[in-house]
Amino acid sequence: MRRQAPVQHIDDNALEVHDPKAAAAGIKAVTVAVDRGVSQAGVARTVRSMLRVNQRATKLRAGA
């Protein structure tokens, strides 16, 4: 069952900045993304979205 996306705003004053890590996204980031996607869009829509977004890196081609 789908839920509505949250409407409250993030308080920028509560954000913390740290040195960059070695990888852009680890297991924690993937887990959080999947949990949020499933809770807001359902399993099927989350899987479809993740499959569209997470593609292997390829060379960019003109007009592609």
N, C-alpha and C. Protein backbone atom coordinates (compact mmCIF):
# COMPACT_ATOMS: atom_id res chain seq x y z
N MET A 1 0.84 -1.18 0.00
CA MET A 1 0.00 0.00 0.00
C MET A 1 0.89 1.24 0.00
N ARG A 2 0.57 2.21 -0.84
CA ARG A 2 1.35 3.43 -0.96
C ARG A 2 0.99 4.43 0.13
N ARG A 3 1.97 5.22 0.50
CA ARG A 3 1.74 6.35 1.38
C ARG A 3 2.14 7.61 0.65
N GLN A 4 1.67 8.73 1.12
CA GLN A 4 2.06 10.00 0.54
C GLN A 4 3.48 10.34 0.95
N ALA A 5 4.20 11.02 0.08
CA ALA A 5 5.55 11.47 0.41
C ALA A 5 5.47 12.50 1.54
N PRO A 6 6.49 12.55 2.39
CA PRO A 6 6.47 13.53 3.48
C PRO A 6 6.46 14.96 2.95
N VAL A 7 5.76 15.84 3.64
CA VAL A 7 5.67 17.23 3.21
C VAL A 7 6.44 18.18 4.11
N GLN A 8 6.91 17.71 5.26
CA GLN A 8 7.66 18.60 6.13
C GLN A 8 9.02 18.88 5.51
N HIS A 9 9.53 20.07 5.79
CA HIS A 9 10.80 20.48 5.22
C HIS A 9 11.94 20.05 6.13
N ILE A 10 13.11 19.83 5.53
CA ILE A 10 14.30 19.47 6.29
C ILE A 10 14.90 20.75 6.85
N ASP A 11 15.26 20.72 8.11
CA ASP A 11 15.89 21.87 8.76
C ASP A 11 17.37 21.89 8.39
N ASP A 12 17.76 22.82 7.53
CA ASP A 12 19.15 22.91 7.09
C ASP A 12 20.11 23.20 8.24
N ASN A 13 19.63 23.82 9.30
CA ASN A 13 20.49 24.14 10.43
C ASN A 13 20.91 22.90 11.20
N ALA A 14 20.18 21.80 11.04
CA ALA A 14 20.49 20.57 11.76
C ALA A 14 21.44 19.66 10.97
N LEU A 15 21.81 20.06 9.73
CA LEU A 15 22.69 19.23 8.92
C LEU A 15 24.12 19.29 9.43
N GLU A 16 24.82 18.16 9.29
CA GLU A 16 26.23 18.09 9.67
C GLU A 16 27.05 17.78 8.43
N VAL A 17 28.21 18.41 8.31
CA VAL A 17 29.09 18.18 7.17
C VAL A 17 30.33 17.44 7.66
N HIS A 18 30.68 16.35 6.95
CA HIS A 18 31.84 15.54 7.31
C HIS A 18 32.75 15.40 6.09
N ASP A 19 33.95 14.91 6.31
CA ASP A 19 34.86 14.62 5.20
C ASP A 19 34.23 13.55 4.31
N PRO A 20 34.52 13.60 3.01
CA PRO A 20 33.94 12.60 2.11
C PRO A 20 34.47 11.20 2.39
N LYS A 21 33.61 10.21 2.14
CA LYS A 21 34.00 8.82 2.30
C LYS A 21 34.61 8.32 0.99
N ALA A 22 35.11 7.11 1.01
CA ALA A 22 35.76 6.55 -0.18
C ALA A 22 34.76 6.22 -1.28
N ALA A 23 33.53 5.88 -0.93
CA ALA A 23 32.52 5.51 -1.92
C ALA A 23 31.33 6.46 -1.83
N ALA A 24 30.68 6.65 -2.97
CA ALA A 24 29.54 7.57 -3.01
C ALA A 24 28.34 7.01 -2.26
N ALA A 25 28.10 5.73 -2.40
CA ALA A 25 26.95 5.13 -1.73
C ALA A 25 27.31 3.71 -1.31
N GLY A 26 27.13 3.44 -0.05
CA GLY A 26 27.41 2.11 0.46
C GLY A 26 26.13 1.37 0.75
N ILE A 27 26.27 0.30 1.49
CA ILE A 27 25.12 -0.53 1.85
C ILE A 27 24.07 0.28 2.61
N LYS A 28 24.51 1.15 3.50
CA LYS A 28 23.57 1.96 4.29
C LYS A 28 22.71 2.83 3.37
N ALA A 29 23.33 3.48 2.39
CA ALA A 29 22.58 4.34 1.47
C ALA A 29 21.58 3.55 0.64
N VAL A 30 22.00 2.39 0.19
CA VAL A 30 21.10 1.54 -0.61
C VAL A 30 19.92 1.08 0.25
N THR A 31 20.20 0.67 1.48
CA THR A 31 19.15 0.21 2.38
C THR A 31 18.13 1.31 2.66
N VAL A 32 18.63 2.51 2.94
CA VAL A 32 17.73 3.63 3.23
C VAL A 32 16.90 3.98 1.99
N ALA A 33 17.52 3.99 0.82
CA ALA A 33 16.79 4.31 -0.41
C ALA A 33 15.68 3.29 -0.68
N VAL A 34 15.98 2.01 -0.52
CA VAL A 34 14.98 0.98 -0.75
C VAL A 34 13.86 1.07 0.28
N ASP A 35 14.20 1.27 1.54
CA ASP A 35 13.17 1.39 2.59
C ASP A 35 12.24 2.55 2.31
N ARG A 36 12.80 3.70 1.95
CA ARG A 36 11.97 4.87 1.66
C ARG A 36 11.11 4.65 0.43
N GLY A 37 11.71 4.06 -0.60
CA GLY A 37 10.96 3.81 -1.82
C GLY A 37 9.79 2.87 -1.60
N VAL A 38 10.03 1.77 -0.89
CA VAL A 38 8.97 0.79 -0.64
C VAL A 38 7.87 1.40 0.21
N SER A 39 8.25 2.18 1.23
CA SER A 39 7.22 2.75 2.11
C SER A 39 6.38 3.81 1.40
N GLN A 40 6.97 4.52 0.41
CA GLN A 40 6.23 5.59 -0.24
C GLN A 40 5.61 5.18 -1.57
N ALA A 41 6.21 4.22 -2.28
CA ALA A 41 5.73 3.91 -3.63
C ALA A 41 5.32 2.45 -3.80
N GLY A 42 5.66 1.61 -2.85
CA GLY A 42 5.36 0.19 -2.99
C GLY A 42 6.53 -0.54 -3.64
N VAL A 43 6.49 -1.87 -3.55
CA VAL A 43 7.60 -2.69 -4.02
C VAL A 43 7.78 -2.59 -5.53
N ALA A 44 6.71 -2.78 -6.29
CA ALA A 44 6.82 -2.82 -7.75
C ALA A 44 7.35 -1.51 -8.32
N ARG A 45 6.80 -0.38 -7.89
CA ARG A 45 7.26 0.91 -8.42
C ARG A 45 8.68 1.21 -7.99
N THR A 46 9.06 0.80 -6.78
CA THR A 46 10.43 1.02 -6.32
C THR A 46 11.42 0.22 -7.16
N VAL A 47 11.10 -1.05 -7.42
CA VAL A 47 11.98 -1.89 -8.23
C VAL A 47 12.11 -1.31 -9.64
N ARG A 48 10.99 -0.91 -10.24
CA ARG A 48 11.05 -0.31 -11.59
C ARG A 48 11.93 0.93 -11.60
N SER A 49 11.77 1.78 -10.60
CA SER A 49 12.57 3.01 -10.53
C SER A 49 14.04 2.71 -10.35
N MET A 50 14.36 1.79 -9.46
CA MET A 50 15.76 1.45 -9.20
C MET A 50 16.41 0.85 -10.44
N LEU A 51 15.67 0.03 -11.17
CA LEU A 51 16.23 -0.57 -12.38
C LEU A 51 16.49 0.48 -13.46
N ARG A 52 15.67 1.50 -13.52
CA ARG A 52 15.87 2.58 -14.51
C ARG A 52 17.05 3.47 -14.14
N VAL A 53 17.19 3.76 -12.87
CA VAL A 53 18.21 4.71 -12.43
C VAL A 53 19.59 4.07 -12.33
N ASN A 54 19.68 2.90 -11.78
CA ASN A 54 20.97 2.27 -11.50
C ASN A 54 21.45 1.46 -12.70
N GLN A 55 22.07 2.14 -13.63
CA GLN A 55 22.63 1.51 -14.81
C GLN A 55 24.15 1.48 -14.71
N ARG A 56 24.76 0.50 -15.35
CA ARG A 56 26.22 0.45 -15.37
C ARG A 56 26.75 1.66 -16.10
N ALA A 57 27.90 2.12 -15.68
CA ALA A 57 28.53 3.27 -16.33
C ALA A 57 28.93 2.89 -17.75
N THR A 58 28.54 3.70 -18.70
CA THR A 58 28.93 3.49 -20.10
C THR A 58 29.44 4.80 -20.64
N LYS A 59 30.13 4.73 -21.78
CA LYS A 59 30.61 5.95 -22.41
C LYS A 59 29.41 6.72 -22.95
N LEU A 60 29.46 8.02 -22.76
CA LEU A 60 28.39 8.86 -23.28
C LEU A 60 28.55 8.99 -24.79
N ARG A 61 27.45 8.85 -25.49
CA ARG A 61 27.48 9.00 -26.94
C ARG A 61 26.61 10.18 -27.33
N ALA A 62 27.01 10.88 -28.35
CA ALA A 62 26.22 12.02 -28.83
C ALA A 62 24.88 11.51 -29.35
N GLY A 63 23.81 12.11 -28.91
CA GLY A 63 22.49 11.75 -29.36
C GLY A 63 21.91 10.52 -28.69
N ALA A 64 22.61 9.97 -27.71
CA ALA A 64 22.12 8.76 -27.04
C ALA A 64 21.28 9.11 -25.86
